Protein backbone atom coordinates (compact mmCIF):
# COMPACT_ATOMS: atom_id res chain seq x y z
CA MET A 1 148.02 -32.86 -156.46
CA ASN A 2 148.55 -34.73 -153.19
CA TYR A 3 146.88 -33.37 -150.08
CA GLN A 4 149.04 -31.20 -147.85
CA ALA A 5 148.63 -30.93 -144.10
CA LEU A 6 147.16 -27.63 -142.96
CA TYR A 7 150.28 -26.56 -141.09
CA ARG A 8 152.28 -26.94 -144.32
CA MET A 9 149.62 -25.42 -146.55
CA PHE A 10 149.29 -22.31 -144.37
CA ARG A 11 152.94 -21.88 -143.43
CA PRO A 12 153.78 -18.14 -143.29
CA GLN A 13 155.34 -16.84 -146.51
CA SER A 14 155.92 -13.29 -145.31
CA PHE A 15 156.45 -11.51 -142.01
CA SER A 16 152.86 -10.25 -142.04
CA ASP A 17 151.57 -13.86 -142.07
CA VAL A 18 153.34 -14.69 -138.81
CA VAL A 19 151.05 -14.78 -135.75
CA GLY A 20 152.06 -13.68 -132.28
CA GLN A 21 155.75 -12.82 -132.84
CA GLU A 22 155.56 -9.13 -133.69
CA HIS A 23 158.63 -8.32 -131.56
CA VAL A 24 160.70 -10.58 -133.83
CA THR A 25 159.21 -9.79 -137.26
CA GLN A 26 159.28 -6.03 -136.78
CA THR A 27 162.94 -6.07 -135.72
CA LEU A 28 163.98 -8.22 -138.68
CA LYS A 29 161.98 -6.14 -141.17
CA ASN A 30 163.62 -2.92 -139.96
CA ALA A 31 167.09 -4.48 -140.10
CA ILE A 32 166.57 -5.73 -143.67
CA SER A 33 165.11 -2.47 -144.95
CA LYS A 34 168.07 -0.54 -143.48
CA GLY A 35 170.66 -3.12 -144.57
CA LYS A 36 171.79 -3.74 -140.99
CA GLN A 37 171.16 -7.45 -140.67
CA SER A 38 173.51 -9.50 -138.49
CA HIS A 39 175.69 -12.40 -139.61
CA ALA A 40 174.19 -14.81 -137.03
CA TYR A 41 170.88 -15.22 -135.24
CA ILE A 42 169.56 -17.54 -132.53
CA PHE A 43 165.82 -18.25 -132.61
CA SER A 44 164.69 -19.89 -129.37
CA GLY A 45 161.23 -20.73 -128.09
CA PRO A 46 158.51 -23.40 -127.74
CA ARG A 47 157.73 -25.79 -130.57
CA GLY A 48 155.42 -24.65 -133.33
CA THR A 49 155.79 -20.92 -132.70
CA GLY A 50 157.33 -20.00 -136.09
CA LYS A 51 161.12 -20.22 -135.68
CA THR A 52 161.90 -22.12 -138.90
CA SER A 53 159.14 -20.34 -140.82
CA ILE A 54 160.53 -16.89 -139.95
CA ALA A 55 164.03 -18.11 -140.82
CA LYS A 56 162.83 -18.99 -144.35
CA VAL A 57 160.95 -15.71 -144.70
CA PHE A 58 164.11 -13.89 -143.60
CA ALA A 59 166.15 -15.78 -146.21
CA LYS A 60 163.67 -14.72 -148.89
CA ALA A 61 163.50 -11.13 -147.74
CA ILE A 62 167.27 -10.45 -147.83
CA ASN A 63 167.64 -12.10 -151.24
CA CYS A 64 164.41 -10.87 -152.83
CA LEU A 65 164.81 -8.87 -156.01
CA ASN A 66 161.72 -6.78 -155.32
CA SER A 67 161.78 -6.43 -151.54
CA ASN A 68 159.38 -3.83 -150.15
CA ASP A 69 159.96 -2.45 -146.65
CA GLY A 70 161.72 -5.65 -145.56
CA GLU A 71 158.98 -7.95 -146.92
CA PRO A 72 159.63 -10.53 -149.70
CA CYS A 73 157.56 -10.28 -152.87
CA ASN A 74 157.07 -14.08 -153.13
CA GLU A 75 156.89 -13.66 -156.93
CA CYS A 76 160.47 -13.40 -158.15
CA ALA A 77 162.52 -16.44 -159.12
CA ILE A 78 164.57 -16.37 -155.92
CA CYS A 79 161.49 -16.19 -153.65
CA ARG A 80 159.78 -19.04 -155.48
CA GLY A 81 162.97 -21.11 -155.38
CA ILE A 82 163.35 -20.68 -151.60
CA THR A 83 159.64 -21.46 -151.08
CA THR A 84 159.88 -24.71 -153.05
CA GLY A 85 163.28 -25.60 -151.60
CA THR A 86 165.17 -25.59 -154.91
CA ASN A 87 167.41 -22.62 -154.16
CA SER A 88 170.90 -23.94 -153.39
CA ASP A 89 171.93 -20.85 -151.46
CA VAL A 90 169.51 -21.53 -148.59
CA ILE A 91 170.73 -24.61 -146.75
CA GLU A 92 168.58 -26.27 -144.06
CA ILE A 93 170.36 -28.62 -141.69
CA ASP A 94 168.78 -30.86 -139.07
CA ALA A 95 171.25 -30.85 -136.19
CA ALA A 96 169.42 -33.73 -134.52
CA SER A 97 170.69 -36.13 -137.20
CA ASN A 98 173.75 -34.18 -138.39
CA ASN A 99 175.32 -33.30 -135.09
CA GLY A 100 178.90 -34.45 -135.56
CA VAL A 101 182.15 -32.59 -136.12
CA ASP A 102 182.44 -33.76 -139.73
CA GLU A 103 179.11 -32.21 -140.76
CA ILE A 104 180.06 -28.83 -139.27
CA ARG A 105 183.52 -28.99 -140.85
CA ASN A 106 181.81 -29.57 -144.19
CA ILE A 107 179.78 -26.37 -143.65
CA ARG A 108 182.93 -24.49 -142.63
CA ASP A 109 184.74 -25.57 -145.78
CA LYS A 110 181.88 -24.69 -148.15
CA VAL A 111 180.76 -21.42 -146.57
CA LYS A 112 183.67 -19.53 -148.16
CA TYR A 113 182.31 -20.16 -151.67
CA ALA A 114 180.12 -17.38 -153.08
CA PRO A 115 176.37 -17.95 -153.55
CA SER A 116 175.35 -19.23 -156.96
CA GLU A 117 172.22 -17.23 -157.65
CA SER A 118 171.39 -15.19 -154.57
CA LYS A 119 173.03 -12.30 -152.75
CA PHE A 120 173.47 -14.17 -149.46
CA LYS A 121 174.04 -17.74 -148.40
CA VAL A 122 171.72 -18.58 -145.49
CA TYR A 123 172.39 -21.58 -143.26
CA ILE A 124 169.37 -22.61 -141.17
CA ILE A 125 170.47 -25.09 -138.47
CA ASP A 126 167.40 -26.55 -136.74
CA GLU A 127 167.57 -28.07 -133.23
CA VAL A 128 171.05 -26.66 -132.87
CA HIS A 129 171.25 -27.69 -129.19
CA MET A 130 171.73 -31.29 -130.37
CA LEU A 131 175.23 -30.54 -131.69
CA THR A 132 178.12 -32.15 -129.86
CA THR A 133 180.73 -30.12 -128.00
CA GLY A 134 183.22 -30.74 -130.78
CA ALA A 135 180.72 -29.58 -133.40
CA PHE A 136 180.08 -26.35 -131.47
CA ASN A 137 183.80 -25.73 -131.26
CA ALA A 138 184.16 -26.31 -135.00
CA LEU A 139 181.37 -23.77 -135.63
CA LEU A 140 182.79 -21.18 -133.25
CA LYS A 141 185.40 -19.54 -135.50
CA THR A 142 183.09 -19.48 -138.51
CA LEU A 143 180.39 -17.70 -136.48
CA GLU A 144 182.89 -15.16 -135.22
CA GLU A 145 184.35 -14.21 -138.60
CA PRO A 146 182.06 -15.48 -141.39
CA PRO A 147 182.32 -14.40 -145.04
CA ALA A 148 180.38 -11.30 -145.96
CA HIS A 149 177.89 -13.35 -147.97
CA ALA A 150 177.06 -15.87 -145.21
CA ILE A 151 174.29 -15.67 -142.60
CA PHE A 152 173.63 -18.29 -139.93
CA ILE A 153 170.25 -18.84 -138.25
CA LEU A 154 170.31 -21.27 -135.31
CA ALA A 155 166.88 -22.51 -134.17
CA THR A 156 166.35 -24.32 -130.86
CA THR A 157 163.76 -25.18 -128.23
CA GLU A 158 166.41 -25.49 -125.47
CA PRO A 159 168.69 -22.45 -125.56
CA HIS A 160 170.25 -23.31 -122.17
CA LYS A 161 172.09 -26.19 -123.89
CA ILE A 162 173.90 -23.84 -126.27
CA PRO A 163 177.39 -22.77 -125.08
CA PRO A 164 177.67 -19.13 -124.00
CA THR A 165 180.49 -18.63 -126.51
CA ILE A 166 178.01 -19.35 -129.33
CA ILE A 167 175.24 -17.17 -127.83
CA SER A 168 177.59 -14.19 -127.44
CA ARG A 169 178.40 -14.26 -131.18
CA ALA A 170 174.79 -14.06 -132.37
CA GLN A 171 171.67 -11.96 -131.95
CA ARG A 172 169.15 -13.86 -129.87
CA PHE A 173 165.37 -13.71 -130.37
CA ASP A 174 163.12 -15.39 -127.82
CA PHE A 175 159.86 -16.59 -129.35
CA LYS A 176 156.83 -16.66 -127.05
CA ALA A 177 153.88 -18.98 -126.84
CA ILE A 178 151.00 -17.64 -128.93
CA ASN A 179 147.92 -16.62 -126.93
CA SER A 180 144.60 -18.37 -127.46
CA GLU A 181 142.83 -15.39 -129.05
CA GLN A 182 145.42 -15.12 -131.83
CA ILE A 183 145.32 -18.88 -132.45
CA VAL A 184 141.50 -18.84 -132.67
CA GLU A 185 141.63 -15.97 -135.16
CA ARG A 186 144.13 -17.86 -137.33
CA LEU A 187 142.07 -21.06 -137.18
CA ARG A 188 138.97 -19.13 -138.30
CA PHE A 189 140.94 -17.79 -141.25
CA VAL A 190 142.09 -21.30 -142.21
CA ALA A 191 138.56 -22.73 -141.88
CA ASP A 192 137.12 -19.95 -144.04
CA GLU A 193 139.82 -20.47 -146.67
CA GLN A 194 139.08 -24.21 -146.75
CA GLN A 195 135.32 -23.58 -146.70
CA ILE A 196 134.83 -25.73 -143.61
CA ASP A 197 131.87 -25.41 -141.25
CA TYR A 198 132.93 -25.09 -137.65
CA ASP A 199 131.71 -24.39 -134.13
CA ILE A 200 133.54 -21.55 -132.42
CA ALA A 201 133.68 -23.65 -129.22
CA ALA A 202 135.71 -26.24 -131.11
CA LEU A 203 138.26 -23.64 -132.21
CA GLU A 204 138.55 -22.26 -128.68
CA PHE A 205 139.16 -25.73 -127.29
CA ILE A 206 141.78 -26.50 -129.96
CA ALA A 207 143.56 -23.24 -129.11
CA LYS A 208 143.64 -24.18 -125.43
CA ALA A 209 144.79 -27.75 -126.16
CA SER A 210 147.64 -26.55 -128.40
CA GLU A 211 149.28 -24.75 -125.43
CA GLY A 212 150.56 -21.82 -127.49
CA GLY A 213 151.82 -23.72 -130.55
CA MET A 214 150.28 -22.80 -133.89
CA ARG A 215 151.56 -25.95 -135.61
CA ASP A 216 149.95 -28.14 -132.94
CA ALA A 217 146.69 -26.21 -133.29
CA LEU A 218 146.59 -26.71 -137.07
CA SER A 219 147.46 -30.40 -136.71
CA ILE A 220 144.65 -30.97 -134.18
CA MET A 221 142.25 -29.05 -136.42
CA ASP A 222 143.29 -31.12 -139.44
CA GLN A 223 142.68 -34.35 -137.53
CA ALA A 224 139.33 -33.20 -136.13
CA ILE A 225 138.11 -32.15 -139.60
CA ALA A 226 138.96 -35.57 -140.98
CA PHE A 227 137.23 -37.24 -138.03
CA GLY A 228 134.06 -35.12 -138.32
CA ASP A 229 133.55 -35.31 -142.07
CA ASP A 230 134.25 -31.66 -142.97
CA HIS A 231 132.22 -30.25 -140.08
CA LEU A 232 134.25 -29.25 -137.06
CA THR A 233 132.42 -29.68 -133.74
CA LEU A 234 133.55 -29.55 -130.12
CA LYS A 235 132.87 -33.27 -129.71
CA ASP A 236 135.16 -34.06 -132.63
CA ALA A 237 137.97 -32.00 -131.08
CA LEU A 238 137.46 -33.67 -127.71
CA ASP A 239 137.50 -37.14 -129.22
CA VAL A 240 140.70 -36.71 -131.23
CA THR A 241 142.58 -35.17 -128.28
CA GLY A 242 141.26 -37.56 -125.65
CA SER A 243 139.87 -34.69 -123.57
CA VAL A 244 136.71 -34.34 -121.50
CA ASP A 245 134.26 -31.45 -121.84
CA GLU A 246 133.64 -29.13 -118.89
CA ALA A 247 130.10 -30.39 -118.28
CA ALA A 248 131.40 -33.94 -117.69
CA LEU A 249 134.18 -32.60 -115.44
CA ASN A 250 131.59 -30.61 -113.50
CA ASP A 251 129.63 -33.82 -112.87
CA LEU A 252 132.84 -35.57 -111.76
CA PHE A 253 133.65 -32.83 -109.24
CA LYS A 254 130.05 -32.86 -107.98
CA ASP A 255 130.42 -36.56 -107.19
CA ILE A 256 133.59 -35.79 -105.24
CA VAL A 257 132.01 -32.85 -103.38
CA ASN A 258 129.06 -35.05 -102.39
CA GLY A 259 131.46 -37.69 -101.08
CA ASP A 260 130.25 -40.27 -103.62
CA VAL A 261 133.68 -41.67 -104.52
CA ARG A 262 132.20 -44.87 -105.97
CA GLU A 263 130.19 -42.87 -108.51
CA ALA A 264 133.29 -40.80 -109.32
CA PHE A 265 135.20 -44.03 -109.99
CA THR A 266 132.42 -45.23 -112.30
CA ARG A 267 132.41 -41.95 -114.19
CA TYR A 268 136.21 -42.03 -114.57
CA HIS A 269 136.21 -45.58 -115.96
CA HIS A 270 133.50 -44.49 -118.40
CA PHE A 271 135.87 -41.77 -119.63
CA ILE A 272 138.63 -44.36 -120.12
CA SER A 273 136.27 -46.69 -122.02
CA GLU A 274 135.58 -43.81 -124.43
CA GLY A 275 139.29 -43.53 -125.16
CA LYS A 276 140.09 -40.53 -122.97
CA GLU A 277 143.74 -40.08 -122.00
CA VAL A 278 144.63 -39.94 -118.29
CA ASN A 279 147.28 -37.21 -118.65
CA ARG A 280 144.92 -35.06 -120.67
CA LEU A 281 142.12 -35.67 -118.14
CA ILE A 282 144.31 -34.47 -115.27
CA ASN A 283 145.28 -31.37 -117.27
CA ASP A 284 141.60 -30.69 -117.92
CA MET A 285 140.92 -30.92 -114.17
CA ILE A 286 143.64 -28.33 -113.48
CA TYR A 287 142.12 -25.99 -116.07
CA PHE A 288 138.65 -26.53 -114.55
CA VAL A 289 139.82 -25.52 -111.07
CA ARG A 290 141.79 -22.63 -112.58
CA ASP A 291 138.70 -21.34 -114.40
CA THR A 292 136.75 -21.53 -111.14
CA ILE A 293 139.43 -19.48 -109.37
CA MET A 294 139.39 -16.86 -112.13
CA SER A 295 135.60 -16.60 -112.03
CA LYS A 296 135.57 -16.18 -108.23
CA THR A 297 138.36 -13.61 -108.32
CA ALA A 298 136.70 -11.58 -111.07
CA ASP A 299 133.28 -12.00 -109.44
CA GLU A 300 131.84 -13.50 -112.63
CA SER A 301 128.93 -15.89 -112.96
CA MET A 302 129.88 -19.54 -113.34
CA THR A 303 128.47 -21.88 -115.94
CA TYR A 304 129.84 -24.88 -114.06
CA ASP A 305 129.48 -24.48 -110.30
CA ALA A 306 130.65 -27.75 -108.77
CA LEU A 307 133.42 -25.92 -106.85
CA ALA A 308 131.66 -22.57 -106.42
CA ASP A 309 131.16 -22.98 -102.65
CA PHE A 310 134.84 -23.49 -101.84
CA ASP A 311 137.17 -20.65 -100.91
CA LEU A 312 140.33 -19.78 -102.82
CA GLU A 313 142.66 -21.41 -100.32
CA MET A 314 140.97 -24.76 -100.81
CA LEU A 315 141.13 -24.40 -104.60
CA TYR A 316 144.85 -23.56 -104.48
CA HIS A 317 145.48 -26.68 -102.41
CA MET A 318 143.38 -28.71 -104.85
CA ILE A 319 145.53 -27.59 -107.80
CA ASP A 320 148.68 -28.59 -105.87
CA ILE A 321 147.31 -32.10 -105.27
CA ILE A 322 146.25 -32.56 -108.90
CA ASN A 323 149.59 -31.24 -110.17
CA ASP A 324 151.53 -33.62 -107.89
CA THR A 325 149.58 -36.51 -109.38
CA LEU A 326 150.37 -35.28 -112.90
CA VAL A 327 154.09 -35.34 -112.09
CA SER A 328 154.06 -38.79 -110.45
CA ILE A 329 151.85 -40.41 -113.10
CA ARG A 330 154.46 -39.87 -115.81
CA PHE A 331 156.71 -42.47 -114.21
CA SER A 332 153.95 -44.87 -113.25
CA VAL A 333 153.04 -48.17 -114.88
CA ASN A 334 149.45 -48.22 -113.59
CA GLN A 335 147.97 -44.78 -114.22
CA ASN A 336 144.46 -45.80 -113.21
CA VAL A 337 145.50 -46.39 -109.61
CA HIS A 338 147.11 -42.96 -109.37
CA PHE A 339 144.01 -41.25 -110.69
CA GLU A 340 141.71 -43.18 -108.34
CA VAL A 341 143.92 -42.21 -105.40
CA LEU A 342 143.68 -38.59 -106.59
CA LEU A 343 139.88 -38.73 -106.44
CA VAL A 344 140.03 -40.14 -102.90
CA LYS A 345 142.55 -37.46 -101.80
CA ILE A 346 140.33 -34.63 -103.01
CA ALA A 347 137.24 -36.17 -101.37
CA GLU A 348 139.06 -36.62 -98.04
CA MET A 349 140.45 -33.09 -98.20
CA MET A 350 136.93 -31.74 -98.55
CA LYS A 351 135.72 -33.87 -95.62
CA THR A 352 138.52 -32.86 -93.26
CA SER A 353 138.37 -29.15 -94.10
CA PRO A 354 134.71 -28.15 -93.80
CA GLU A 355 135.77 -24.70 -92.55
CA ASN A 356 136.95 -23.92 -96.06
CA VAL A 357 133.47 -24.34 -97.48
CA GLN A 358 131.47 -21.13 -97.62
CA ASN A 359 127.81 -20.49 -98.28
CA VAL A 360 128.52 -17.32 -100.19
CA ALA A 361 131.60 -17.19 -102.36
CA THR A 362 133.91 -14.47 -101.00
CA PRO A 363 137.65 -14.13 -101.27
CA ALA A 364 139.66 -14.98 -98.20
CA ALA A 365 140.86 -11.40 -97.88
CA VAL A 366 137.34 -10.23 -97.07
CA THR A 367 137.28 -12.21 -93.82
CA GLN A 368 140.61 -10.91 -92.58
CA PRO A 369 139.29 -7.81 -90.76
CA THR A 370 137.01 -10.03 -88.68
CA ASN A 371 139.96 -12.02 -87.42
CA ASP A 372 141.87 -8.86 -86.53
CA ALA A 373 138.90 -7.56 -84.61
CA LEU A 374 138.70 -10.78 -82.61
CA LEU A 375 142.38 -10.54 -81.71
CA GLN A 376 141.95 -6.95 -80.54
CA ARG A 377 138.95 -7.94 -78.44
CA MET A 378 140.92 -10.78 -76.84
CA GLU A 379 143.81 -8.47 -75.96
CA GLN A 380 141.34 -6.04 -74.40
CA LEU A 381 139.85 -8.82 -72.27
CA GLU A 382 143.34 -9.90 -71.17
CA ASN A 383 144.19 -6.35 -70.07
CA GLU A 384 140.92 -6.11 -68.12
CA LEU A 385 141.70 -9.42 -66.43
CA LYS A 386 145.16 -8.16 -65.38
CA THR A 387 143.57 -5.01 -63.92
CA LEU A 388 141.06 -7.04 -61.90
CA LYS A 389 143.83 -9.27 -60.50
CA ALA A 390 145.91 -6.22 -59.53
CA GLN A 391 142.90 -4.84 -57.60
CA GLY A 392 142.55 -8.04 -55.66
CA VAL A 393 139.61 -9.62 -57.51
CA ILE A 394 140.08 -13.38 -57.94
CA ALA A 395 138.91 -14.74 -61.24
CA LYS A 396 136.97 -18.00 -61.45
CA PRO A 397 138.94 -20.98 -62.67
CA GLN A 398 136.64 -21.46 -65.64
CA LYS A 399 137.38 -18.09 -67.12
CA PRO A 400 141.00 -18.63 -68.21
CA THR A 401 140.02 -21.99 -69.68
CA ALA A 402 137.26 -20.45 -71.74
CA GLN A 403 139.61 -17.69 -72.76
CA ARG A 404 142.27 -20.15 -73.86
CA ALA A 405 139.68 -22.04 -75.86
CA THR A 406 138.61 -18.86 -77.60
CA ARG A 407 142.22 -18.08 -78.43
CA SER A 408 142.80 -21.50 -79.95
CA ASN A 409 139.66 -21.21 -82.08
CA VAL A 410 140.85 -17.92 -83.48
CA GLU A 411 144.34 -19.23 -84.15
CA VAL A 412 142.98 -22.18 -86.13
CA LYS A 413 141.50 -19.79 -88.65
CA HIS A 414 144.93 -18.14 -89.09
CA ALA A 415 147.83 -19.51 -91.01
CA PHE A 416 150.01 -18.77 -87.97
CA SER A 417 149.99 -18.98 -84.15
CA MET A 418 150.54 -15.73 -82.24
CA SER A 419 151.53 -17.59 -79.08
CA LYS A 420 154.29 -19.53 -80.88
CA ILE A 421 155.57 -16.37 -82.52
CA THR A 422 155.65 -14.59 -79.15
CA LYS A 423 157.65 -17.49 -77.68
CA VAL A 424 160.27 -17.13 -80.43
CA LEU A 425 160.49 -13.35 -80.10
CA ASP A 426 160.82 -13.49 -76.30
CA ASN A 427 164.04 -15.49 -76.60
CA ALA A 428 165.35 -14.11 -79.91
CA ASN A 429 168.97 -13.00 -80.21
CA LYS A 430 171.20 -11.46 -82.88
CA GLU A 431 173.73 -14.29 -83.08
CA ASP A 432 171.24 -17.01 -84.04
CA ILE A 433 169.35 -14.92 -86.62
CA LYS A 434 172.66 -13.82 -88.18
CA LEU A 435 173.72 -17.47 -88.48
CA LEU A 436 170.44 -18.58 -90.06
CA LYS A 437 170.22 -15.66 -92.50
CA GLY A 438 173.76 -16.36 -93.66
CA ARG A 439 173.06 -20.08 -94.24
CA TRP A 440 169.44 -19.94 -95.47
CA ASN A 441 170.41 -20.11 -99.16
CA ASP A 442 172.44 -23.20 -98.27
CA VAL A 443 169.28 -24.72 -96.79
CA ILE A 444 167.38 -24.12 -100.05
CA ASP A 445 170.28 -25.41 -102.17
CA HIS A 446 170.51 -28.54 -100.02
CA ALA A 447 166.82 -29.27 -100.65
CA LYS A 448 167.36 -28.72 -104.41
CA ASN A 449 170.43 -30.95 -104.59
CA ASN A 450 168.66 -33.77 -102.77
CA ASP A 451 165.67 -33.61 -105.15
CA ARG A 452 163.19 -32.55 -102.44
CA LYS A 453 160.91 -30.54 -104.74
CA SER A 454 158.11 -30.10 -102.21
CA LEU A 455 160.49 -28.43 -99.74
CA VAL A 456 162.02 -26.24 -102.44
CA SER A 457 158.60 -24.86 -103.41
CA LEU A 458 157.93 -24.01 -99.74
CA LEU A 459 161.33 -22.44 -99.02
CA GLN A 460 161.88 -20.66 -102.36
CA ASN A 461 160.42 -17.31 -101.25
CA SER A 462 161.05 -17.57 -97.50
CA GLU A 463 163.34 -15.67 -95.12
CA PRO A 464 164.21 -16.11 -91.42
CA VAL A 465 163.32 -12.96 -89.46
CA ALA A 466 163.96 -13.98 -85.84
CA ALA A 467 165.71 -16.85 -84.07
CA SER A 468 166.61 -18.21 -80.65
CA GLU A 469 168.55 -21.22 -79.44
CA THR A 470 165.61 -23.55 -80.04
CA ASN A 471 163.30 -21.78 -82.51
CA VAL A 472 163.38 -19.87 -85.79
CA LEU A 473 160.64 -17.60 -87.14
CA VAL A 474 160.44 -17.83 -90.96
CA LYS A 475 158.58 -15.30 -93.16
CA PHE A 476 156.75 -16.87 -96.15
CA GLU A 477 155.65 -14.93 -99.24
CA GLU A 478 152.52 -17.06 -99.71
CA GLU A 479 150.09 -17.55 -96.82
CA ILE A 480 149.28 -21.12 -97.98
CA HIS A 481 152.97 -22.06 -97.62
CA CYS A 482 153.01 -20.64 -94.10
CA GLU A 483 149.92 -22.64 -93.17
CA ILE A 484 151.41 -25.86 -94.57
CA VAL A 485 154.57 -25.44 -92.49
CA ASN A 486 152.66 -24.65 -89.30
CA LYS A 487 150.05 -27.40 -89.64
CA ASP A 488 151.75 -30.19 -91.60
CA VAL A 489 153.98 -31.94 -89.04
CA GLU A 490 155.75 -34.05 -91.66
CA LYS A 491 156.68 -31.08 -93.87
CA ARG A 492 157.85 -29.09 -90.85
CA ASN A 493 159.99 -31.96 -89.58
CA ASN A 494 161.58 -32.32 -93.03
CA ILE A 495 162.48 -28.61 -93.11
CA GLU A 496 163.87 -28.79 -89.55
CA SER A 497 166.03 -31.79 -90.49
CA VAL A 498 167.50 -29.89 -93.46
CA VAL A 499 168.20 -26.85 -91.24
CA CYS A 500 169.87 -29.13 -88.67
CA GLU A 501 172.15 -30.58 -91.35
CA ILE A 502 173.26 -27.10 -92.44
CA ILE A 503 173.75 -25.31 -89.09
CA ASN A 504 174.26 -28.43 -86.91
CA LYS A 505 171.59 -27.31 -84.44
CA ASN A 506 168.06 -28.55 -83.72
CA VAL A 507 165.52 -25.75 -84.05
CA GLN A 508 161.75 -25.68 -84.38
CA VAL A 509 160.39 -23.77 -87.39
CA VAL A 510 157.50 -21.34 -86.91
CA GLY A 511 155.96 -19.63 -89.95
CA VAL A 512 154.48 -16.15 -90.41
CA PRO A 513 152.97 -14.71 -93.65
CA SER A 514 154.92 -11.90 -95.27
CA ASP A 515 151.90 -9.56 -95.42
CA GLN A 516 151.22 -10.08 -91.69
CA TRP A 517 154.78 -9.87 -90.37
CA LEU A 518 154.92 -6.07 -89.85
CA ARG A 519 151.60 -6.07 -87.99
CA VAL A 520 152.62 -9.01 -85.81
CA ARG A 521 155.97 -7.38 -84.95
CA SER A 522 154.40 -4.03 -84.04
CA GLU A 523 151.77 -5.72 -81.86
CA TYR A 524 154.48 -7.67 -80.08
CA ILE A 525 156.53 -4.51 -79.43
CA GLN A 526 153.46 -2.67 -78.11
CA GLN A 527 152.60 -5.61 -75.86
CA ARG A 528 156.14 -5.59 -74.39
CA LYS A 529 155.91 -1.84 -73.77
CA ASN A 530 152.58 -2.21 -71.95
CA HIS A 531 153.96 -5.06 -69.87
CA ASN A 532 157.07 -3.11 -68.88
CA GLY A 533 154.96 -0.09 -67.99
CA GLU A 534 152.79 -2.11 -65.60
CA GLN A 535 155.88 -3.49 -63.94
CA HIS A 536 157.31 0.04 -63.49
CA GLU A 537 154.08 1.31 -61.86
CA THR A 538 154.00 -1.45 -59.28
CA GLN A 539 157.74 -1.26 -58.54
CA ASP A 540 157.57 1.93 -56.40
CA GLU A 541 154.64 0.64 -54.33
CA SER A 542 156.45 -2.54 -53.39
CA SER A 543 160.02 -1.21 -53.15
CA GLN A 544 160.03 -0.99 -49.37
CA GLN A 545 158.61 -4.46 -48.97
CA THR A 546 161.15 -5.79 -51.45
CA LYS A 547 164.06 -4.25 -49.51
CA THR A 548 162.75 -5.68 -46.29
CA ARG A 549 162.46 -9.14 -47.80
CA GLU A 550 165.97 -8.90 -49.25
CA GLN A 551 167.39 -7.85 -45.92
CA SER A 552 165.67 -10.55 -43.98
CA GLN A 553 166.15 -13.28 -46.52
CA PRO A 554 169.73 -14.21 -45.61
CA THR A 555 168.78 -14.47 -41.95
CA ASP A 556 165.73 -16.59 -42.70
CA VAL A 557 167.68 -18.89 -44.99
CA ALA A 558 170.54 -19.27 -42.50
CA GLN A 559 168.14 -20.12 -39.70
CA LYS A 560 166.38 -22.73 -41.80
CA ALA A 561 169.72 -24.25 -42.73
CA ARG A 562 170.73 -24.46 -39.05
CA ASP A 563 167.42 -26.09 -38.21
CA LEU A 564 167.85 -28.67 -40.96
CA PHE A 565 171.59 -29.47 -40.76
CA GLY A 566 172.74 -28.25 -37.32
CA ASP A 567 174.90 -25.35 -36.11
CA GLU A 568 178.19 -27.29 -36.45
CA THR A 569 177.59 -27.97 -40.17
CA VAL A 570 176.44 -24.54 -41.40
CA HIS A 571 179.09 -21.81 -41.84
CA LEU A 572 178.14 -18.30 -42.94
CA VAL A 573 180.51 -16.60 -45.41
CA ASP A 574 180.43 -12.87 -46.10
CA GLU A 575 181.02 -12.45 -49.86
CA GLU A 576 181.71 -8.73 -49.49
C-alpha cells in the first residue's frame, strides 16, 4: 500500500477524535441524537482546524445504521462508503474551481432526487466564499427551502465574504485555532502510534510553528521525520521550517544590546547561509520578545536573558518595530536590507533610551508611586515659595531655574506633561470640546480611508476630553500611545493635520493616559481652588489701595496725555 501523509492517515473519523473544537462537536452530537439537525450549516475558521473533517463525520453520523449517542460506528456499509469516498449520497464540491452559476444550478436540479442508499443527501461545499454573486443567488432559494432529505454544509476560511442572505439561512459554527497543548498531545499520540522516537522540545516547537492548525502541525512533523531518519529532534524541526532556536536568537539580541551591529550582521548572514527564512526569523524574534515579557510579568526565571534588563515599555516598543518590518518586508524585493535596517533600529533605540534600562527587572507600575511623590513634593515647594513672596522675601534668581529643571526632569519620566495639560485646561471651553467629540470618529475614519495604519493604531482607543481654540487634550487607553504622541513630533503633526482636515481648524494635540486622567483633573481643580482662595484673602487687604488707584488713574492718564500731546489736542469725554 502506498504511503499516506500523516494528516490523511490520522484524519478524525468520529467526533471524539476531533481536537480543540468541543463547542462544535458537542452541539452536533446532541442535535443528531435528538433528531434536530438543521438543513444548512456554515463552518468557518482558520485552515487546518477540522472543518471538512467534522463535515464528513457529521455526514456519517446522520446516515449511520448503528449510531450511538450521535457518534458514527465506522463499521457499517454506509460509514465505510463515506470514509472511502464511494458513497454517492455525500457530495464534496470545491467551490474554488467550481464557482460558477452552472455548477450551482446543477446542484439545484439534482438535489430534489432522493438519496440512493443513505437517509440523507449531504452536500459539502468547501471554500464557499469563492462562489460568484450569481452562484450565491442560485443557491439562495435551495438553501431556504431544501428537500427534506438534503443537508448543506458550507466550509470557509473567510466568512465575511459570504452574503448575509446566505448566513441568515444556515447555522453558523466558528472554529477556533487549536492551542499548543492540545496539538502537542495529539502529536505525541501520532508519534506513539507510528513508533517514532521524538524529543518533546521538537513537538512543542512544531505546535508553536503551526499557529493553531492541526493539519499544518502534522505536515511539519511528517517532513521533519523524513528529514531526521525516523528520529524527531528539535534541530530537524528547525531545519525544515527555516526557524532559529532561542539560544541563537539570544546571542543575536546580546550583540544588539552590546551595540555590536557588525557582529549581529555576521550572525544574521550565517542564519541565511543555513537556509533560514527571513519571515520566519522575524516571527521568531517577536516570539522571543513576547516570551521575555511574559517571564517578566509573571516574575519567572529566564533561560535566555538577553533582554532581561529592559523594562516592559521598551519591549513593547521593540515588538512594534519588529512587527512593522514584518509588514513591510512582504512587499519588498530585497529582504536582507530590511532585516539589517531592523537590527540597526533596535540598536539605536537602545542607545537613545538608556533610561529604559534597569538594573533590577521591575514592572513600570512599581515606579509610579515615586513619580507621584515627586510631583507632590514639587507642589509643596511651589506653595512655600508663594508664601515667602507674599511675606516680602525675595527669592534668588537661581532658585526658579533649578526648580524648572527639576520639573522638566520629572516630566521626562512621564508619558505626559502636566504644564501642557494645565495650559489646555486653563483655556478650555464647551464649544470646542463638543465639536471635537462629535467629529472624532470622522478623524479615525479619515485615517483608515487614507491607509494611515500607524495613526489608526494610535487613535483607535482615544477620546478628546478638553479643548480650546488652539489645543485639544486627548485621552489614550495605552500609556505607550500617549507617550508616542507627546514625544514623536512627526506622529503628532500627522494627527494634527488629519484633525485640521476634519474640523478646518489648527489645534495642537496633547496626550494624557486614561488611567491618569482622573488624578490629573482632580489635581488641576484643587490647584485652581487654592489659587482662587489666595486671591480672595489678599483682595480685602488691598481693596482700599485698589479704589484709590482706580480713582486717580483717569486723572493721571489725562495729565500724561496733555503733557505728551498738548491741551488743545486732548479732549476728556465722560462715558456716564
